[in-house]
Amino acid sequence: MVEGMGGKDSVHYSEFQEYCCEAYNILRKSANLILNLFALMVDGNIQDIDQGEKSIVKVQEKLRLDLTDEEANVYFRTLITESVRALFPQIAETVHRWANYWRS
């Protein structure tokens, strides 16, 4: 995906990161609504949301409400960078390239 945006140093990838951080901060500003709605879903027998208060706390931790918007931007950019550097996606991309090579 990063290569499709022009690589790590491209304007498009930089814009992508900015949009992600902006969306993350918008979600953080709506944390009370999100957490209340999530609390209502706990009793809805929805798979992966069946751990009650533990599930709600997990969502709250992911929103990092203890950070300022600027700190949240740094945090989220770090998550993006770690995701890009993760080993499994690189392996999957290599396997995909090999599969395309052998098809042609």
PDB file of N, CA and C in Angstrom:
ATOM      1  N   MET A   1       0.825  -1.194   0.000  1.00  0.00           N
ATOM      2  CA  MET A   1       0.000   0.000   0.000  1.00  0.00           C
ATOM      3  C   MET A   1       0.868   1.257   0.000  1.00  0.00           C
ATOM      4  N   VAL A   2       1.951   1.213   0.760  1.00  0.00           N
ATOM      5  CA  VAL A   2       2.839   2.373   0.823  1.00  0.00           C
ATOM      6  C   VAL A   2       3.450   2.628  -0.544  1.00  0.00           C
ATOM      7  N   GLU A   3       3.848   1.567  -1.206  1.00  0.00           N
ATOM      8  CA  GLU A   3       4.423   1.723  -2.550  1.00  0.00           C
ATOM      9  C   GLU A   3       3.390   2.286  -3.512  1.00  0.00           C
ATOM     10  N   GLY A   4       2.126   1.898  -3.339  1.00  0.00           N
ATOM     11  CA  GLY A   4       1.049   2.416  -4.184  1.00  0.00           C
ATOM     12  C   GLY A   4       0.832   3.912  -3.995  1.00  0.00           C
ATOM     13  N   MET A   5       1.234   4.437  -2.844  1.00  0.00           N
ATOM     14  CA  MET A   5       1.125   5.873  -2.569  1.00  0.00           C
ATOM     15  C   MET A   5       2.374   6.618  -3.008  1.00  0.00           C
ATOM     16  N   GLY A   6       3.368   5.886  -3.510  1.00  0.00           N
ATOM     17  CA  GLY A   6       4.585   6.532  -3.991  1.00  0.00           C
ATOM     18  C   GLY A   6       5.791   6.313  -3.103  1.00  0.00           C
ATOM     19  N   GLY A   7       5.662   5.483  -2.074  1.00  0.00           N
ATOM     20  CA  GLY A   7       6.789   5.197  -1.194  1.00  0.00           C
ATOM     21  C   GLY A   7       6.740   6.015   0.085  1.00  0.00           C
ATOM     22  N   LYS A   8       7.627   5.658   1.005  1.00  0.00           N
ATOM     23  CA  LYS A   8       7.638   6.277   2.337  1.00  0.00           C
ATOM     24  C   LYS A   8       7.930   7.768   2.324  1.00  0.00           C
ATOM     25  N   ASP A   9       8.632   8.241   1.307  1.00  0.00           N
ATOM     26  CA  ASP A   9       9.002   9.654   1.262  1.00  0.00           C
ATOM     27  C   ASP A   9       8.096  10.486   0.354  1.00  0.00           C
ATOM     28  N   SER A  10       7.011   9.891  -0.116  1.00  0.00           N
ATOM     29  CA  SER A  10       6.149  10.597  -1.061  1.00  0.00           C
ATOM     30  C   SER A  10       5.179  11.543  -0.361  1.00  0.00           C
ATOM     31  N   VAL A  11       4.696  12.494  -1.117  1.00  0.00           N
ATOM     32  CA  VAL A  11       3.703  13.452  -0.624  1.00  0.00           C
ATOM     33  C   VAL A  11       2.407  12.716  -0.267  1.00  0.00           C
ATOM     34  N   HIS A  12       2.044  11.737  -1.093  1.00  0.00           N
ATOM     35  CA  HIS A  12       0.793  11.016  -0.865  1.00  0.00           C
ATOM     36  C   HIS A  12       0.828  10.218   0.436  1.00  0.00           C
ATOM     37  N   TYR A  13       1.958   9.589   0.734  1.00  0.00           N
ATOM     38  CA  TYR A  13       2.085   8.843   1.986  1.00  0.00           C
ATOM     39  C   TYR A  13       2.053   9.789   3.178  1.00  0.00           C
ATOM     40  N   SER A  14       2.667  10.928   3.036  1.00  0.00           N
ATOM     41  CA  SER A  14       2.637  11.937   4.098  1.00  0.00           C
ATOM     42  C   SER A  14       1.201  12.422   4.341  1.00  0.00           C
ATOM     43  N   GLU A  15       0.473  12.653   3.261  1.00  0.00           N
ATOM     44  CA  GLU A  15      -0.932  13.063   3.379  1.00  0.00           C
ATOM     45  C   GLU A  15      -1.757  11.954   4.041  1.00  0.00           C
ATOM     46  N   PHE A  16      -1.494  10.706   3.668  1.00  0.00           N
ATOM     47  CA  PHE A  16      -2.173   9.565   4.271  1.00  0.00           C
ATOM     48  C   PHE A  16      -1.979   9.570   5.788  1.00  0.00           C
ATOM     49  N   GLN A  17      -0.738   9.775   6.220  1.00  0.00           N
ATOM     50  CA  GLN A  17      -0.457   9.810   7.656  1.00  0.00           C
ATOM     51  C   GLN A  17      -1.200  10.964   8.332  1.00  0.00           C
ATOM     52  N   GLU A  18      -1.223  12.115   7.690  1.00  0.00           N
ATOM     53  CA  GLU A  18      -1.926  13.269   8.242  1.00  0.00           C
ATOM     54  C   GLU A  18      -3.420  12.983   8.388  1.00  0.00           C
ATOM     55  N   TYR A  19      -4.019  12.386   7.356  1.00  0.00           N
ATOM     56  CA  TYR A  19      -5.446  12.050   7.413  1.00  0.00           C
ATOM     57  C   TYR A  19      -5.728  11.022   8.508  1.00  0.00           C
ATOM     58  N   CYS A  20      -4.845  10.052   8.659  1.00  0.00           N
ATOM     59  CA  CYS A  20      -5.012   9.042   9.711  1.00  0.00           C
ATOM     60  C   CYS A  20      -4.975   9.687  11.091  1.00  0.00           C
ATOM     61  N   CYS A  21      -4.025  10.570  11.303  1.00  0.00           N
ATOM     62  CA  CYS A  21      -3.906  11.250  12.596  1.00  0.00           C
ATOM     63  C   CYS A  21      -5.119  12.141  12.849  1.00  0.00           C
ATOM     64  N   GLU A  22      -5.584  12.817  11.827  1.00  0.00           N
ATOM     65  CA  GLU A  22      -6.764  13.667  11.967  1.00  0.00           C
ATOM     66  C   GLU A  22      -7.984  12.828  12.332  1.00  0.00           C
ATOM     67  N   ALA A  23      -8.166  11.690  11.650  1.00  0.00           N
ATOM     68  CA  ALA A  23      -9.290  10.802  11.943  1.00  0.00           C
ATOM     69  C   ALA A  23      -9.188  10.247  13.365  1.00  0.00           C
ATOM     70  N   TYR A  24      -7.982   9.874  13.777  1.00  0.00           N
ATOM     71  CA  TYR A  24      -7.761   9.349  15.125  1.00  0.00           C
ATOM     72  C   TYR A  24      -8.148  10.388  16.178  1.00  0.00           C
ATOM     73  N   ASN A  25      -7.750  11.622  15.972  1.00  0.00           N
ATOM     74  CA  ASN A  25      -8.089  12.679  16.937  1.00  0.00           C
ATOM     75  C   ASN A  25      -9.581  12.990  16.939  1.00  0.00           C
ATOM     76  N   ILE A  26     -10.235  12.871  15.797  1.00  0.00           N
ATOM     77  CA  ILE A  26     -11.689  13.061  15.749  1.00  0.00           C
ATOM     78  C   ILE A  26     -12.370  11.962  16.558  1.00  0.00           C
ATOM     79  N   LEU A  27     -11.897  10.733  16.402  1.00  0.00           N
ATOM     80  CA  LEU A  27     -12.449   9.625  17.191  1.00  0.00           C
ATOM     81  C   LEU A  27     -12.211   9.848  18.684  1.00  0.00           C
ATOM     82  N   ARG A  28     -11.036  10.332  19.025  1.00  0.00           N
ATOM     83  CA  ARG A  28     -10.718  10.589  20.429  1.00  0.00           C
ATOM     84  C   ARG A  28     -11.647  11.650  21.024  1.00  0.00           C
ATOM     85  N   LYS A  29     -11.978  12.655  20.225  1.00  0.00           N
ATOM     86  CA  LYS A  29     -12.876  13.716  20.702  1.00  0.00           C
ATOM     87  C   LYS A  29     -14.296  13.186  20.922  1.00  0.00           C
ATOM     88  N   SER A  30     -14.623  12.103  20.247  1.00  0.00           N
ATOM     89  CA  SER A  30     -15.942  11.480  20.396  1.00  0.00           C
ATOM     90  C   SER A  30     -15.881  10.260  21.315  1.00  0.00           C
ATOM     91  N   ALA A  31     -14.868  10.186  22.140  1.00  0.00           N
ATOM     92  CA  ALA A  31     -14.637   9.009  22.980  1.00  0.00           C
ATOM     93  C   ALA A  31     -15.829   8.684  23.878  1.00  0.00           C
ATOM     94  N   ASN A  32     -16.442   9.696  24.490  1.00  0.00           N
ATOM     95  CA  ASN A  32     -17.580   9.414  25.378  1.00  0.00           C
ATOM     96  C   ASN A  32     -18.708   8.731  24.623  1.00  0.00           C
ATOM     97  N   LEU A  33     -19.045   9.239  23.458  1.00  0.00           N
ATOM     98  CA  LEU A  33     -20.094   8.631  22.651  1.00  0.00           C
ATOM     99  C   LEU A  33     -19.712   7.211  22.234  1.00  0.00           C
ATOM    100  N   ILE A  34     -18.486   7.047  21.754  1.00  0.00           N
ATOM    101  CA  ILE A  34     -18.021   5.728  21.299  1.00  0.00           C
ATOM    102  C   ILE A  34     -18.053   4.728  22.447  1.00  0.00           C
ATOM    103  N   LEU A  35     -17.541   5.113  23.601  1.00  0.00           N
ATOM    104  CA  LEU A  35     -17.502   4.202  24.744  1.00  0.00           C
ATOM    105  C   LEU A  35     -18.906   3.867  25.247  1.00  0.00           C
ATOM    106  N   ASN A  36     -19.815   4.841  25.235  1.00  0.00           N
ATOM    107  CA  ASN A  36     -21.200   4.568  25.648  1.00  0.00           C
ATOM    108  C   ASN A  36     -21.894   3.620  24.674  1.00  0.00           C
ATOM    109  N   LEU A  37     -21.701   3.849  23.384  1.00  0.00           N
ATOM    110  CA  LEU A  37     -22.288   2.945  22.392  1.00  0.00           C
ATOM    111  C   LEU A  37     -21.691   1.547  22.502  1.00  0.00           C
ATOM    112  N   PHE A  38     -20.410   1.505  22.736  1.00  0.00           N
ATOM    113  CA  PHE A  38     -19.733   0.218  22.897  1.00  0.00           C
ATOM    114  C   PHE A  38     -20.278  -0.516  24.121  1.00  0.00           C
ATOM    115  N   ALA A  39     -20.520   0.215  25.197  1.00  0.00           N
ATOM    116  CA  ALA A  39     -21.081  -0.383  26.413  1.00  0.00           C
ATOM    117  C   ALA A  39     -22.455  -0.985  26.142  1.00  0.00           C
ATOM    118  N   LEU A  40     -23.234  -0.332  25.292  1.00  0.00           N
ATOM    119  CA  LEU A  40     -24.546  -0.873  24.928  1.00  0.00           C
ATOM    120  C   LEU A  40     -24.419  -2.153  24.118  1.00  0.00           C
ATOM    121  N   MET A  41     -23.357  -2.265  23.342  1.00  0.00           N
ATOM    122  CA  MET A  41     -23.166  -3.450  22.497  1.00  0.00           C
ATOM    123  C   MET A  41     -22.667  -4.658  23.280  1.00  0.00           C
ATOM    124  N   VAL A  42     -22.124  -4.437  24.469  1.00  0.00           N
ATOM    125  CA  VAL A  42     -21.561  -5.540  25.257  1.00  0.00           C
ATOM    126  C   VAL A  42     -22.611  -6.618  25.515  1.00  0.00           C
ATOM    127  N   ASP A  43     -23.834  -6.225  25.795  1.00  0.00           N
ATOM    128  CA  ASP A  43     -24.895  -7.191  26.073  1.00  0.00           C
ATOM    129  C   ASP A  43     -25.583  -7.700  24.816  1.00  0.00           C
ATOM    130  N   GLY A  44     -25.088  -7.347  23.661  1.00  0.00           N
ATOM    131  CA  GLY A  44     -25.719  -7.719  22.397  1.00  0.00           C
ATOM    132  C   GLY A  44     -25.261  -9.047  21.819  1.00  0.00           C
ATOM    133  N   ASN A  45     -24.513  -9.833  22.573  1.00  0.00           N
ATOM    134  CA  ASN A  45     -24.009 -11.128  22.099  1.00  0.00           C
ATOM    135  C   ASN A  45     -23.239 -11.018  20.790  1.00  0.00           C
ATOM    136  N   ILE A  46     -22.436  -9.977  20.671  1.00  0.00           N
ATOM    137  CA  ILE A  46     -21.603  -9.770  19.494  1.00  0.00           C
ATOM    138  C   ILE A  46     -20.243 -10.402  19.760  1.00  0.00           C
ATOM    139  N   GLN A  47     -19.812 -11.221  18.826  1.00  0.00           N
ATOM    140  CA  GLN A  47     -18.531 -11.894  18.992  1.00  0.00           C
ATOM    141  C   GLN A  47     -17.413 -10.871  19.201  1.00  0.00           C
ATOM    142  N   ASP A  48     -16.488 -11.158  20.083  1.00  0.00           N
ATOM    143  CA  ASP A  48     -15.336 -10.324  20.428  1.00  0.00           C
ATOM    144  C   ASP A  48     -15.696  -9.101  21.267  1.00  0.00           C
ATOM    145  N   ILE A  49     -16.962  -8.912  21.579  1.00  0.00           N
ATOM    146  CA  ILE A  49     -17.364  -7.819  22.470  1.00  0.00           C
ATOM    147  C   ILE A  49     -18.129  -8.433  23.648  1.00  0.00           C
ATOM    148  N   ASP A  50     -17.705  -9.574  24.078  1.00  0.00           N
ATOM    149  CA  ASP A  50     -18.440 -10.281  25.113  1.00  0.00           C
ATOM    150  C   ASP A  50     -17.705 -10.306  26.452  1.00  0.00           C
ATOM    151  N   GLN A  51     -16.689  -9.472  26.595  1.00  0.00           N
ATOM    152  CA  GLN A  51     -15.919  -9.482  27.830  1.00  0.00           C
ATOM    153  C   GLN A  51     -16.317  -8.351  28.777  1.00  0.00           C
ATOM    154  N   GLY A  52     -17.446  -7.734  28.540  1.00  0.00           N
ATOM    155  CA  GLY A  52     -17.974  -6.709  29.437  1.00  0.00           C
ATOM    156  C   GLY A  52     -17.056  -5.514  29.590  1.00  0.00           C
ATOM    157  N   GLU A  53     -16.841  -5.139  30.829  1.00  0.00           N
ATOM    158  CA  GLU A  53     -16.039  -3.960  31.157  1.00  0.00           C
ATOM    159  C   GLU A  53     -14.624  -4.062  30.595  1.00  0.00           C
ATOM    160  N   LYS A  54     -14.108  -5.265  30.522  1.00  0.00           N
ATOM    161  CA  LYS A  54     -12.754  -5.474  29.991  1.00  0.00           C
ATOM    162  C   LYS A  54     -12.661  -4.997  28.534  1.00  0.00           C
ATOM    163  N   SER A  55     -13.692  -5.262  27.748  1.00  0.00           N
ATOM    164  CA  SER A  55     -13.713  -4.818  26.351  1.00  0.00           C
ATOM    165  C   SER A  55     -13.763  -3.298  26.255  1.00  0.00           C
ATOM    166  N   ILE A  56     -14.538  -2.683  27.107  1.00  0.00           N
ATOM    167  CA  ILE A  56     -14.667  -1.222  27.098  1.00  0.00           C
ATOM    168  C   ILE A  56     -13.344  -0.576  27.481  1.00  0.00           C
ATOM    169  N   VAL A  57     -12.688  -1.118  28.492  1.00  0.00           N
ATOM    170  CA  VAL A  57     -11.394  -0.581  28.924  1.00  0.00           C
ATOM    171  C   VAL A  57     -10.370  -0.717  27.808  1.00  0.00           C
ATOM    172  N   LYS A  58     -10.426  -1.821  27.072  1.00  0.00           N
ATOM    173  CA  LYS A  58      -9.485  -2.030  25.974  1.00  0.00           C
ATOM    174  C   LYS A  58      -9.659  -0.956  24.896  1.00  0.00           C
ATOM    175  N   VAL A  59     -10.906  -0.640  24.556  1.00  0.00           N
ATOM    176  CA  VAL A  59     -11.164   0.417  23.568  1.00  0.00           C
ATOM    177  C   VAL A  59     -10.674   1.755  24.105  1.00  0.00           C
ATOM    178  N   GLN A  60     -10.933   2.018  25.366  1.00  0.00           N
ATOM    179  CA  GLN A  60     -10.499   3.279  25.975  1.00  0.00           C
ATOM    180  C   GLN A  60      -8.976   3.399  25.941  1.00  0.00           C
ATOM    181  N   GLU A  61      -8.283   2.302  26.206  1.00  0.00           N
ATOM    182  CA  GLU A  61      -6.820   2.321  26.153  1.00  0.00           C
ATOM    183  C   GLU A  61      -6.317   2.614  24.743  1.00  0.00           C
ATOM    184  N   LYS A  62      -6.990   2.078  23.738  1.00  0.00           N
ATOM    185  CA  LYS A  62      -6.580   2.306  22.344  1.00  0.00           C
ATOM    186  C   LYS A  62      -6.761   3.760  21.929  1.00  0.00           C
ATOM    187  N   LEU A  63      -7.706   4.443  22.536  1.00  0.00           N
ATOM    188  CA  LEU A  63      -7.945   5.850  22.199  1.00  0.00           C
ATOM    189  C   LEU A  63      -6.925   6.790  22.840  1.00  0.00           C
ATOM    190  N   ARG A  64      -6.168   6.306  23.789  1.00  0.00           N
ATOM    191  CA  ARG A  64      -5.112   7.086  24.457  1.00  0.00           C
ATOM    192  C   ARG A  64      -5.594   8.483  24.842  1.00  0.00           C
ATOM    193  N   LEU A  65      -6.616   8.512  25.668  1.00  0.00           N
ATOM    194  CA  LEU A  65      -7.208   9.781  26.097  1.00  0.00           C
ATOM    195  C   LEU A  65      -6.297  10.580  27.021  1.00  0.00           C
ATOM    196  N   ASP A  66      -5.206   9.962  27.468  1.00  0.00           N
ATOM    197  CA  ASP A  66      -4.244  10.650  28.323  1.00  0.00           C
ATOM    198  C   ASP A  66      -3.307  11.567  27.544  1.00  0.00           C
ATOM    199  N   LEU A  67      -3.354  11.495  26.211  1.00  0.00           N
ATOM    200  CA  LEU A  67      -2.445  12.274  25.368  1.00  0.00           C
ATOM    201  C   LEU A  67      -3.117  13.534  24.830  1.00  0.00           C
ATOM    202  N   THR A  68      -2.308  14.551  24.556  1.00  0.00           N
ATOM    203  CA  THR A  68      -2.808  15.723  23.824  1.00  0.00           C
ATOM    204  C   THR A  68      -2.944  15.326  22.354  1.00  0.00           C
ATOM    205  N   ASP A  69      -3.551  16.197  21.562  1.00  0.00           N
ATOM    206  CA  ASP A  69      -3.685  15.904  20.131  1.00  0.00           C
ATOM    207  C   ASP A  69      -2.323  15.726  19.469  1.00  0.00           C
ATOM    208  N   GLU A  70      -1.382  16.568  19.812  1.00  0.00           N
ATOM    209  CA  GLU A  70      -0.040  16.468  19.223  1.00  0.00           C
ATOM    210  C   GLU A  70       0.649  15.172  19.639  1.00  0.00           C
ATOM    211  N   GLU A  71       0.536  14.819  20.912  1.00  0.00           N
ATOM    212  CA  GLU A  71       1.126  13.570  21.386  1.00  0.00           C
ATOM    213  C   GLU A  71       0.448  12.380  20.719  1.00  0.00           C
ATOM    214  N   ALA A  72      -0.861  12.476  20.515  1.00  0.00           N
ATOM    215  CA  ALA A  72      -1.610  11.412  19.838  1.00  0.00           C
ATOM    216  C   ALA A  72      -1.148  11.269  18.388  1.00  0.00           C
ATOM    217  N   ASN A  73      -0.838  12.391  17.732  1.00  0.00           N
ATOM    218  CA  ASN A  73      -0.309  12.334  16.369  1.00  0.00           C
ATOM    219  C   ASN A  73       0.998  11.551  16.328  1.00  0.00           C
ATOM    220  N   VAL A  74       1.886  11.849  17.257  1.00  0.00           N
ATOM    221  CA  VAL A  74       3.176  11.148  17.318  1.00  0.00           C
ATOM    222  C   VAL A  74       2.947   9.663  17.588  1.00  0.00           C
ATOM    223  N   TYR A  75       2.073   9.366  18.536  1.00  0.00           N
ATOM    224  CA  TYR A  75       1.749   7.979  18.881  1.00  0.00           C
ATOM    225  C   TYR A  75       1.208   7.237  17.663  1.00  0.00           C
ATOM    226  N   PHE A  76       0.255   7.848  16.958  1.00  0.00           N
ATOM    227  CA  PHE A  76      -0.386   7.157  15.838  1.00  0.00           C
ATOM    228  C   PHE A  76       0.569   7.001  14.659  1.00  0.00           C
ATOM    229  N   ARG A  77       1.406   8.001  14.412  1.00  0.00           N
ATOM    230  CA  ARG A  77       2.416   7.873  13.353  1.00  0.00           C
ATOM    231  C   ARG A  77       3.377   6.728  13.680  1.00  0.00           C
ATOM    232  N   THR A  78       3.689   6.556  14.952  1.00  0.00           N
ATOM    233  CA  THR A  78       4.546   5.445  15.373  1.00  0.00           C
ATOM    234  C   THR A  78       3.864   4.113  15.083  1.00  0.00           C
ATOM    235  N   LEU A  79       2.572   4.027  15.352  1.00  0.00           N
ATOM    236  CA  LEU A  79       1.828   2.805  15.036  1.00  0.00           C
ATOM    237  C   LEU A  79       1.853   2.513  13.540  1.00  0.00           C
ATOM    238  N   ILE A  80       1.680   3.544  12.740  1.00  0.00           N
ATOM    239  CA  ILE A  80       1.706   3.366  11.283  1.00  0.00           C
ATOM    240  C   ILE A  80       3.076   2.865  10.852  1.00  0.00           C
ATOM    241  N   THR A  81       4.123   3.484  11.357  1.00  0.00           N
ATOM    242  CA  THR A  81       5.488   3.097  11.002  1.00  0.00           C
ATOM    243  C   THR A  81       5.771   1.660  11.414  1.00  0.00           C
ATOM    244  N   GLU A  82       5.363   1.284  12.617  1.00  0.00           N
ATOM    245  CA  GLU A  82       5.567  -0.089  13.081  1.00  0.00           C
ATOM    246  C   GLU A  82       4.815  -1.074  12.209  1.00  0.00           C
ATOM    247  N   SER A  83       3.628  -0.695  11.779  1.00  0.00           N
ATOM    248  CA  SER A  83       2.830  -1.556  10.916  1.00  0.00           C
ATOM    249  C   SER A  83       3.512  -1.758   9.569  1.00  0.00           C
ATOM    250  N   VAL A  84       4.061  -0.687   9.021  1.00  0.00           N
ATOM    251  CA  VAL A  84       4.747  -0.764   7.727  1.00  0.00           C
ATOM    252  C   VAL A  84       5.996  -1.639   7.833  1.00  0.00           C
ATOM    253  N   ARG A  85       6.668  -1.566   8.964  1.00  0.00           N
ATOM    254  CA  ARG A  85       7.897  -2.330   9.164  1.00  0.00           C
ATOM    255  C   ARG A  85       7.655  -3.762   9.613  1.00  0.00           C
ATOM    256  N   ALA A  86       6.412  -4.127   9.906  1.00  0.00           N
ATOM    257  CA  ALA A  86       6.106  -5.461  10.414  1.00  0.00           C
ATOM    258  C   ALA A  86       6.545  -6.532   9.421  1.00  0.00           C
ATOM    259  N   LEU A  87       6.984  -7.644   9.934  1.00  0.00           N
ATOM    260  CA  LEU A  87       7.540  -8.711   9.112  1.00  0.00           C
ATOM    261  C   LEU A  87       6.478  -9.433   8.287  1.00  0.00           C
ATOM    262  N   PHE A  88       5.328  -9.751   8.872  1.00  0.00           N
ATOM    263  CA  PHE A  88       4.337 -10.533   8.152  1.00  0.00           C
ATOM    264  C   PHE A  88       3.864  -9.865   6.860  1.00  0.00           C
ATOM    265  N   PRO A  89       3.521  -8.560   6.874  1.00  0.00           N
ATOM    266  CA  PRO A  89       3.107  -7.943   5.607  1.00  0.00           C
ATOM    267  C   PRO A  89       4.201  -7.999   4.540  1.00  0.00           C
ATOM    268  N   GLN A  90       5.448  -7.890   4.950  1.00  0.00           N
ATOM    269  CA  GLN A  90       6.542  -7.976   3.985  1.00  0.00           C
ATOM    270  C   GLN A  90       6.623  -9.371   3.386  1.00  0.00           C
ATOM    271  N   ILE A  91       6.432 -10.388   4.225  1.00  0.00           N
ATOM    272  CA  ILE A  91       6.443 -11.764   3.730  1.00  0.00           C
ATOM    273  C   ILE A  91       5.273 -11.984   2.783  1.00  0.00           C
ATOM    274  N   ALA A  92       4.092 -11.503   3.174  1.00  0.00           N
ATOM    275  CA  ALA A  92       2.904 -11.657   2.323  1.00  0.00           C
ATOM    276  C   ALA A  92       3.109 -10.975   0.978  1.00  0.00           C
ATOM    277  N   GLU A  93       3.717  -9.808   0.977  1.00  0.00           N
ATOM    278  CA  GLU A  93       3.990  -9.094  -0.277  1.00  0.00           C
ATOM    279  C   GLU A  93       4.959  -9.880  -1.141  1.00  0.00           C
ATOM    280  N   THR A  94       5.972 -10.453  -0.544  1.00  0.00           N
ATOM    281  CA  THR A  94       6.947 -11.254  -1.297  1.00  0.00           C
ATOM    282  C   THR A  94       6.278 -12.473  -1.907  1.00  0.00           C
ATOM    283  N   VAL A  95       5.455 -13.171  -1.136  1.00  0.00           N
ATOM    284  CA  VAL A  95       4.733 -14.333  -1.658  1.00  0.00           C
ATOM    285  C   VAL A  95       3.811 -13.912  -2.792  1.00  0.00           C
ATOM    286  N   HIS A  96       3.156 -12.778  -2.639  1.00  0.00           N
ATOM    287  CA  HIS A  96       2.272 -12.269  -3.696  1.00  0.00           C
ATOM    288  C   HIS A  96       3.055 -11.995  -4.977  1.00  0.00           C
ATOM    289  N   ARG A  97       4.219 -11.390  -4.845  1.00  0.00           N
ATOM    290  CA  ARG A  97       5.053 -11.113  -6.021  1.00  0.00           C
ATOM    291  C   ARG A  97       5.500 -12.400  -6.695  1.00  0.00           C
ATOM    292  N   TRP A  98       5.887 -13.392  -5.886  1.00  0.00           N
ATOM    293  CA  TRP A  98       6.291 -14.684  -6.457  1.00  0.00           C
ATOM    294  C   TRP A  98       5.125 -15.328  -7.199  1.00  0.00           C
ATOM    295  N   ALA A  99       3.946 -15.284  -6.597  1.00  0.00           N
ATOM    296  CA  ALA A  99       2.768 -15.884  -7.235  1.00  0.00           C
ATOM    297  C   ALA A  99       2.479 -15.205  -8.567  1.00  0.00           C
ATOM    298  N   ASN A 100       2.579 -13.893  -8.607  1.00  0.00           N
ATOM    299  CA  ASN A 100       2.359 -13.170  -9.864  1.00  0.00           C
ATOM    300  C   ASN A 100       3.438 -13.495 -10.887  1.00  0.00           C
ATOM    301  N   TYR A 101       4.661 -13.653 -10.438  1.00  0.00           N
ATOM    302  CA  TYR A 101       5.763 -14.020 -11.328  1.00  0.00           C
ATOM    303  C   TYR A 101       5.523 -15.373 -11.966  1.00  0.00           C
ATOM    304  N   TRP A 102       5.112 -16.355 -11.173  1.00  0.00           N
ATOM    305  CA  TRP A 102       4.912 -17.706 -11.686  1.00  0.00           C
ATOM    306  C   TRP A 102       3.680 -17.807 -12.563  1.00  0.00           C
ATOM    307  N   ARG A 103       2.705 -16.920 -12.415  1.00  0.00           N
ATOM    308  CA  ARG A 103       1.524 -16.921 -13.276  1.00  0.00           C
ATOM    309  C   ARG A 103       1.849 -16.421 -14.677  1.00  0.00           C
ATOM    310  N   SER A 104       2.821 -15.525 -14.767  1.00  0.00           N
ATOM    311  CA  SER A 104       3.113 -14.920 -16.082  1.00  0.00           C
ATOM    312  C   SER A 104       4.137 -15.693 -16.853  1.00  0.00           C
TER     313      SER A 104
END
